[in-house]
């Protein structure tokens, strides 16, 4: 329930800022969050920001921030802790992963989230971890950029990937983005011709704009949403057919 000024925390730790960070960390670590009130969570957030200021590389602090500071009004404090941890731990990709997760789910910024994930790729020598981060980044790029720009970004990622299954997978993601970009342009042409948006993706075929609906390389397929805009069927907002 008490948060002392930073200067007082350092003084009580004998002038050792790292000890002060650890002492505050112990308080955060043993807090019974199941019984904490909103105002107590706010104090915890301030304590965790203090720890980050005293020792931004503090590992327990960024893990706890990622796990506990997940309410919308607490996320800015978590992001402060996670970004500082990422900057202070240049060989650790995990704070960037949590930072990206918050950008995507709470701040609704998939483009910035994807860039944070890509920043983490260079921090691991584990190929599986690199591919996992890039694959998730590619999905978020699809949601954060115009389709044509997303295709160019994912295409560059595919070209930079080593030969093999992962490169083929990224090329498939690039191909389906290019297909969606073309379908989007055709839907605009359909509006010009018919004065209304297509109700089904097959309407583009019926109008003679394409011979057939393209095959999605990932086997999921295309649809149109309620606004008549082409989308991937797995996009979560497919209100059309």
Protein backbone atom coordinates (compact mmCIF):
# COMPACT_ATOMS: atom_id res chain seq x y z
CA UNK A 1 0.00 0.00 0.00
CA UNK A 2 3.02 2.31 0.28
CA UNK A 3 5.27 3.57 -2.48
CA UNK A 4 8.22 5.67 -1.36
CA UNK A 5 9.93 8.20 -3.62
CA UNK A 6 12.79 6.73 -5.63
CA UNK A 7 15.39 8.70 -3.71
CA UNK A 8 14.09 7.28 -0.44
CA UNK A 9 14.12 3.75 -1.81
CA UNK A 10 17.76 4.10 -2.85
CA UNK A 11 18.72 5.70 0.48
CA UNK A 12 17.11 2.85 2.46
CA UNK A 13 19.11 0.41 0.32
CA UNK A 14 22.37 2.06 1.35
CA UNK A 15 22.67 3.95 -1.92
CA UNK A 16 22.58 0.75 -4.02
CA UNK A 17 19.99 1.20 -6.75
CA UNK A 18 20.13 -2.48 -7.71
CA UNK A 19 19.46 -3.55 -4.12
CA UNK A 20 16.61 -1.05 -4.03
CA UNK A 21 15.20 -2.65 -7.18
CA UNK A 22 15.44 -6.11 -5.60
CA UNK A 23 13.75 -4.97 -2.39
CA UNK A 24 10.86 -3.49 -4.35
CA UNK A 25 10.84 -6.66 -6.45
CA UNK A 26 10.36 -8.81 -3.36
CA UNK A 27 7.31 -6.73 -2.43
CA UNK A 28 5.82 -7.18 -5.88
CA UNK A 29 6.67 -10.87 -5.99
CA UNK A 30 4.88 -11.79 -2.75
CA UNK A 31 1.81 -9.60 -3.30
CA UNK A 32 -1.46 -11.53 -3.10
CA UNK A 33 -2.98 -10.29 -6.33
CA UNK A 34 -6.16 -12.34 -5.90
CA UNK A 35 -7.16 -10.06 -3.02
CA UNK A 36 -5.84 -6.76 -4.36
CA UNK A 37 -8.15 -3.85 -5.02
CA UNK A 38 -7.89 -1.66 -8.16
CA UNK A 39 -6.08 1.09 -6.25
CA UNK A 40 -3.58 -1.48 -4.97
CA UNK A 41 -2.90 -2.67 -8.50
CA UNK A 42 -2.19 0.97 -9.38
CA UNK A 43 0.42 1.10 -6.61
CA UNK A 44 1.92 -2.15 -7.84
CA UNK A 45 2.20 -0.65 -11.31
CA UNK A 46 4.07 2.35 -9.89
CA UNK A 47 6.38 0.04 -7.92
CA UNK A 48 7.16 -1.96 -11.05
CA UNK A 49 7.95 1.20 -12.96
CA UNK A 50 10.26 2.18 -10.09
CA UNK A 51 12.02 -1.18 -10.34
CA UNK A 52 12.40 -0.67 -14.07
CA UNK A 53 13.92 2.76 -13.52
CA UNK A 54 16.32 1.42 -10.89
CA UNK A 55 17.27 -1.69 -12.89
CA UNK A 56 15.61 -1.97 -16.31
CA UNK A 57 17.16 -5.41 -16.90
CA UNK A 58 15.40 -6.91 -13.86
CA UNK A 59 14.05 -10.20 -15.23
CA UNK A 60 11.43 -11.00 -12.58
CA UNK A 61 10.03 -7.50 -12.91
CA UNK A 62 9.24 -7.73 -16.60
CA UNK A 63 7.76 -11.22 -16.26
CA UNK A 64 5.47 -10.07 -13.46
CA UNK A 65 4.52 -6.92 -15.37
CA UNK A 66 3.55 -8.99 -18.41
CA UNK A 67 1.45 -11.32 -16.27
CA UNK A 68 -0.17 -8.93 -13.79
CA UNK A 69 -0.46 -5.53 -15.44
CA UNK A 70 -2.97 -6.64 -18.05
CA UNK A 71 -5.95 -4.43 -17.27
CA UNK A 72 -6.32 -1.68 -19.91
CA UNK A 73 -5.44 1.13 -17.46
CA UNK A 74 -2.34 -0.80 -16.29
CA UNK A 75 -1.00 -1.73 -19.74
CA UNK A 76 0.95 1.55 -20.19
CA UNK A 77 2.96 0.70 -17.06
CA UNK A 78 3.57 -2.82 -18.36
CA UNK A 79 4.71 -1.41 -21.70
CA UNK A 80 7.12 0.96 -19.94
CA UNK A 81 8.66 -1.96 -18.04
CA UNK A 82 8.78 -4.26 -21.07
CA UNK A 83 10.29 -1.71 -23.45
CA UNK A 84 13.01 -0.78 -20.98
CA UNK A 85 13.71 -4.46 -20.33
CA UNK A 86 13.99 -5.09 -24.07
CA UNK A 87 16.47 -2.23 -24.44
CA UNK A 88 18.50 -3.36 -21.43
CA UNK A 89 18.58 -7.06 -22.43
CA UNK A 90 19.80 -7.10 -26.05
CA UNK A 91 20.02 -10.91 -26.20
CA UNK A 92 16.56 -11.56 -24.77
CA UNK A 93 13.60 -11.64 -27.16
CA UNK A 94 10.91 -12.43 -24.59
CA UNK A 95 10.22 -8.88 -23.33
CA UNK A 96 9.71 -7.88 -26.96
CA UNK A 97 7.24 -10.73 -27.38
CA UNK A 98 5.16 -9.57 -24.41
CA UNK A 99 5.50 -5.96 -25.55
CA UNK A 100 4.26 -6.95 -29.01
CA UNK A 101 1.38 -8.95 -27.52
CA UNK A 102 0.16 -5.86 -25.66
CA UNK A 103 0.55 -3.71 -28.76
CA UNK A 104 -1.61 -6.12 -30.71
CA UNK A 105 -4.30 -7.09 -28.21
CA UNK A 106 -4.63 -3.98 -26.03
CA UNK A 107 -3.36 -1.09 -28.16
CA UNK A 108 -4.82 -2.51 -31.40
CA UNK A 109 -1.66 -1.73 -33.35
CA UNK A 110 -0.75 -4.88 -35.32
CA UNK A 111 1.81 -3.09 -37.50
CA UNK A 112 3.87 -1.93 -34.49
CA UNK A 113 3.37 -5.33 -32.85
CA UNK A 114 4.78 -7.10 -35.91
CA UNK A 115 7.80 -4.81 -35.96
CA UNK A 116 8.49 -5.58 -32.30
CA UNK A 117 8.39 -9.30 -33.05
CA UNK A 118 10.79 -8.86 -35.96
CA UNK A 119 13.10 -6.90 -33.68
CA UNK A 120 13.23 -9.98 -31.49
CA UNK A 121 14.25 -12.35 -34.31
CA UNK A 122 17.89 -11.21 -34.24
CA UNK A 123 18.05 -11.87 -30.50
CA UNK A 124 17.85 -15.64 -30.69
CA UNK A 125 20.04 -18.23 -32.41
CA UNK A 126 17.30 -20.85 -32.17
CA UNK A 127 15.90 -21.36 -35.68
CA UNK A 128 12.53 -22.58 -34.41
CA UNK A 129 12.15 -19.44 -32.28
CA UNK A 130 13.13 -17.23 -35.22
CA UNK A 131 10.58 -18.91 -37.48
CA UNK A 132 7.88 -18.74 -34.82
CA UNK A 133 8.38 -15.01 -34.34
CA UNK A 134 8.44 -14.36 -38.08
CA UNK A 135 5.36 -16.48 -38.75
CA UNK A 136 3.37 -14.61 -36.10
CA UNK A 137 4.72 -11.28 -37.37
CA UNK A 138 3.53 -12.18 -40.87
CA UNK A 139 0.00 -12.76 -39.58
CA UNK A 140 -0.01 -9.43 -37.79
CA UNK A 141 1.45 -7.65 -40.82
CA UNK A 142 -1.57 -8.87 -42.78
CA UNK A 143 -3.80 -7.05 -40.29
CA UNK A 144 -1.72 -3.92 -39.87
CA UNK A 145 -0.80 -2.89 -43.41
CA UNK A 146 -2.57 -2.30 -46.68
CA UNK A 147 -2.71 -5.67 -48.43
CA UNK A 148 -0.26 -4.72 -51.18
CA UNK A 149 2.29 -3.36 -48.70
CA UNK A 150 1.82 -6.43 -46.49
CA UNK A 151 2.56 -8.63 -49.50
CA UNK A 152 5.80 -6.74 -50.17
CA UNK A 153 6.94 -7.00 -46.53
CA UNK A 154 6.14 -10.71 -46.22
CA UNK A 155 7.69 -11.29 -49.63
CA UNK A 156 10.97 -9.78 -48.45
CA UNK A 157 10.83 -11.99 -45.37
CA UNK A 158 10.37 -15.01 -47.63
CA UNK A 159 13.34 -14.07 -49.80
CA UNK A 160 15.54 -13.61 -46.74
CA UNK A 161 14.55 -16.98 -45.26
CA UNK A 162 16.85 -19.95 -45.89
CA UNK A 163 15.71 -22.46 -48.53
CA UNK A 164 13.31 -25.01 -47.17
CA UNK A 165 9.88 -25.41 -45.68
CA UNK A 166 9.72 -22.08 -43.89
CA UNK A 167 10.57 -20.14 -47.04
CA UNK A 168 7.87 -22.04 -48.93
CA UNK A 169 5.37 -21.25 -46.18
CA UNK A 170 6.21 -17.53 -46.29
CA UNK A 171 5.94 -17.54 -50.08
CA UNK A 172 2.46 -19.02 -49.75
CA UNK A 173 1.50 -16.22 -47.35
CA UNK A 174 2.88 -13.71 -49.87
CA UNK A 175 0.94 -15.29 -52.73
CA UNK A 176 -2.38 -15.21 -50.87
CA UNK A 177 -1.82 -11.54 -49.96
CA UNK A 178 -1.23 -10.74 -53.63
CA UNK A 179 -4.39 -12.63 -54.52
CA UNK A 180 -6.39 -10.72 -51.91
CA UNK A 181 -4.98 -7.43 -53.18
CA UNK A 182 -6.15 -8.30 -56.70
CA UNK A 183 -9.60 -9.35 -55.44
CA UNK A 184 -9.88 -6.02 -53.62
CA UNK A 185 -9.21 -4.11 -56.83
CA UNK A 186 -11.74 -6.26 -58.69
CA UNK A 187 -14.34 -5.60 -55.99
CA UNK A 188 -13.85 -1.86 -56.55
CA UNK A 189 -14.32 -2.41 -60.27
CA UNK A 190 -17.48 -4.39 -59.51
CA UNK A 191 -18.86 -1.45 -57.53
CA UNK A 192 -18.22 0.85 -60.48
CA UNK A 193 -19.96 -1.56 -62.87
CA UNK A 194 -22.95 -2.54 -60.73
CA UNK A 195 -23.34 0.40 -58.38
CA UNK A 196 -23.14 -1.85 -55.34
CA UNK A 197 -20.65 -4.03 -53.50
CA UNK A 198 -20.43 -7.76 -54.20
CA UNK A 199 -22.44 -9.87 -51.77
CA UNK A 200 -20.38 -13.00 -52.45
CA UNK A 201 -16.85 -13.53 -53.64
CA UNK A 202 -18.35 -15.54 -56.52
CA UNK A 203 -20.09 -12.38 -57.75
CA UNK A 204 -16.73 -11.33 -59.24
CA UNK A 205 -16.82 -14.48 -61.36
CA UNK A 206 -20.47 -13.98 -62.35
CA UNK A 207 -19.62 -10.43 -63.45
CA UNK A 208 -16.89 -11.76 -65.75
CA UNK A 209 -14.09 -10.01 -63.86
CA UNK A 210 -12.23 -13.28 -63.20
CA UNK A 211 -12.58 -16.82 -64.52
CA UNK A 212 -12.71 -18.38 -61.05
CA UNK A 213 -12.09 -17.59 -57.42
CA UNK A 214 -8.36 -18.11 -56.84
CA UNK A 215 -7.21 -21.01 -54.71
CA UNK A 216 -5.78 -19.96 -51.38
CA UNK A 217 -2.30 -21.54 -51.06
CA UNK A 218 -3.04 -22.16 -47.36
CA UNK A 219 -6.36 -23.83 -48.15
CA UNK A 220 -8.54 -21.41 -46.16
CA UNK A 221 -10.10 -19.41 -48.96
CA UNK A 222 -11.54 -15.97 -49.58
CA UNK A 223 -14.85 -14.32 -48.75
CA UNK A 224 -16.37 -10.86 -48.59
CA UNK A 225 -17.37 -9.11 -45.38
CA UNK A 226 -20.63 -7.26 -44.76
CA UNK A 227 -19.22 -4.20 -46.53
CA UNK A 228 -18.48 -6.26 -49.64
CA UNK A 229 -14.71 -6.14 -49.14
CA UNK A 230 -12.68 -9.27 -49.94
CA UNK A 231 -11.10 -10.88 -46.87
CA UNK A 232 -9.55 -14.17 -45.80
CA UNK A 233 -12.19 -16.55 -44.47
CA UNK A 234 -10.28 -16.89 -41.19
CA UNK A 235 -10.05 -13.14 -40.57
CA UNK A 236 -12.71 -13.24 -37.85
CA UNK A 237 -14.94 -10.55 -39.39
CA UNK A 238 -16.30 -12.52 -42.31
CA UNK A 239 -19.92 -11.48 -42.38
CA UNK A 240 -20.40 -12.34 -46.03
CA UNK A 241 -19.79 -15.37 -48.22
